[in-house]
PDB file of N, CA and C in Angstrom:
ATOM      1  N   UNK A   1       9.354  38.588  62.980  1.00  0.00           N
ATOM      2  CA  UNK A   1       8.998  39.937  63.449  1.00  0.00           C
ATOM      3  C   UNK A   1       8.711  40.845  62.249  1.00  0.00           C
ATOM      4  N   UNK A   2       7.801  41.780  62.421  1.00  0.00           N
ATOM      5  CA  UNK A   2       7.497  42.717  61.337  1.00  0.00           C
ATOM      6  C   UNK A   2       8.719  43.557  60.971  1.00  0.00           C
ATOM      7  N   UNK A   3       8.802  43.945  59.709  1.00  0.00           N
ATOM      8  CA  UNK A   3       9.935  44.745  59.247  1.00  0.00           C
ATOM      9  C   UNK A   3      10.011  46.069  59.999  1.00  0.00           C
ATOM     10  N   UNK A   4       8.859  46.687  60.237  1.00  0.00           N
ATOM     11  CA  UNK A   4       8.836  47.977  60.933  1.00  0.00           C
ATOM     12  C   UNK A   4       9.458  47.857  62.315  1.00  0.00           C
ATOM     13  N   UNK A   5       9.190  46.734  62.987  1.00  0.00           N
ATOM     14  CA  UNK A   5       9.763  46.527  64.319  1.00  0.00           C
ATOM     15  C   UNK A   5      11.277  46.387  64.226  1.00  0.00           C
ATOM     16  N   UNK A   6      11.745  45.663  63.210  1.00  0.00           N
ATOM     17  CA  UNK A   6      13.185  45.481  63.035  1.00  0.00           C
ATOM     18  C   UNK A   6      13.875  46.820  62.774  1.00  0.00           C
ATOM     19  N   UNK A   7      13.269  47.661  61.950  1.00  0.00           N
ATOM     20  CA  UNK A   7      13.846  48.972  61.664  1.00  0.00           C
ATOM     21  C   UNK A   7      13.889  49.822  62.926  1.00  0.00           C
ATOM     22  N   UNK A   8      12.836  49.733  63.737  1.00  0.00           N
ATOM     23  CA  UNK A   8      12.785  50.501  64.980  1.00  0.00           C
ATOM     24  C   UNK A   8      13.898  50.053  65.913  1.00  0.00           C
ATOM     25  N   UNK A   9      14.115  48.741  65.988  1.00  0.00           N
ATOM     26  CA  UNK A   9      15.165  48.204  66.847  1.00  0.00           C
ATOM     27  C   UNK A   9      16.537  48.681  66.363  1.00  0.00           C
ATOM     28  N   UNK A  10      16.751  48.713  65.059  1.00  0.00           N
ATOM     29  CA  UNK A  10      18.031  49.171  64.507  1.00  0.00           C
ATOM     30  C   UNK A  10      18.289  50.624  64.881  1.00  0.00           C
ATOM     31  N   UNK A  11      17.263  51.457  64.776  1.00  0.00           N
ATOM     32  CA  UNK A  11      17.430  52.870  65.107  1.00  0.00           C
ATOM     33  C   UNK A  11      17.747  53.045  66.580  1.00  0.00           C
ATOM     34  N   UNK A  12      17.105  52.237  67.432  1.00  0.00           N
ATOM     35  CA  UNK A  12      17.355  52.318  68.872  1.00  0.00           C
ATOM     36  C   UNK A  12      18.783  51.888  69.171  1.00  0.00           C
ATOM     37  N   UNK A  13      19.259  50.834  68.506  1.00  0.00           N
ATOM     38  CA  UNK A  13      20.615  50.339  68.719  1.00  0.00           C
ATOM     39  C   UNK A  13      21.633  51.387  68.294  1.00  0.00           C
ATOM     40  N   UNK A  14      21.405  52.003  67.144  1.00  0.00           N
ATOM     41  CA  UNK A  14      22.322  53.035  66.663  1.00  0.00           C
ATOM     42  C   UNK A  14      22.355  54.218  67.615  1.00  0.00           C
ATOM     43  N   UNK A  15      21.200  54.577  68.164  1.00  0.00           N
ATOM     44  CA  UNK A  15      21.136  55.687  69.113  1.00  0.00           C
ATOM     45  C   UNK A  15      21.924  55.347  70.369  1.00  0.00           C
ATOM     46  N   UNK A  16      21.763  54.122  70.860  1.00  0.00           N
ATOM     47  CA  UNK A  16      22.464  53.704  72.071  1.00  0.00           C
ATOM     48  C   UNK A  16      23.974  53.674  71.835  1.00  0.00           C
ATOM     49  N   UNK A  17      24.412  53.198  70.677  1.00  0.00           N
ATOM     50  CA  UNK A  17      25.840  53.155  70.380  1.00  0.00           C
ATOM     51  C   UNK A  17      26.402  54.573  70.279  1.00  0.00           C
ATOM     52  N   UNK A  18      25.645  55.481  69.692  1.00  0.00           N
ATOM     53  CA  UNK A  18      26.095  56.861  69.540  1.00  0.00           C
ATOM     54  C   UNK A  18      26.169  57.582  70.882  1.00  0.00           C
ATOM     55  N   UNK A  19      25.295  57.223  71.807  1.00  0.00           N
ATOM     56  CA  UNK A  19      25.258  57.892  73.110  1.00  0.00           C
ATOM     57  C   UNK A  19      26.407  57.423  74.001  1.00  0.00           C
ATOM     58  N   UNK A  20      26.908  56.218  73.745  1.00  0.00           N
ATOM     59  CA  UNK A  20      27.958  55.668  74.619  1.00  0.00           C
ATOM     60  C   UNK A  20      29.347  56.169  74.257  1.00  0.00           C
TER      61      UNK A  20
END
């Protein structure tokens, strides 16, 4: 997977963890 996609996924995961 492209690096940009991996970074985007990390940011989404961090956002989801912070919201919970």
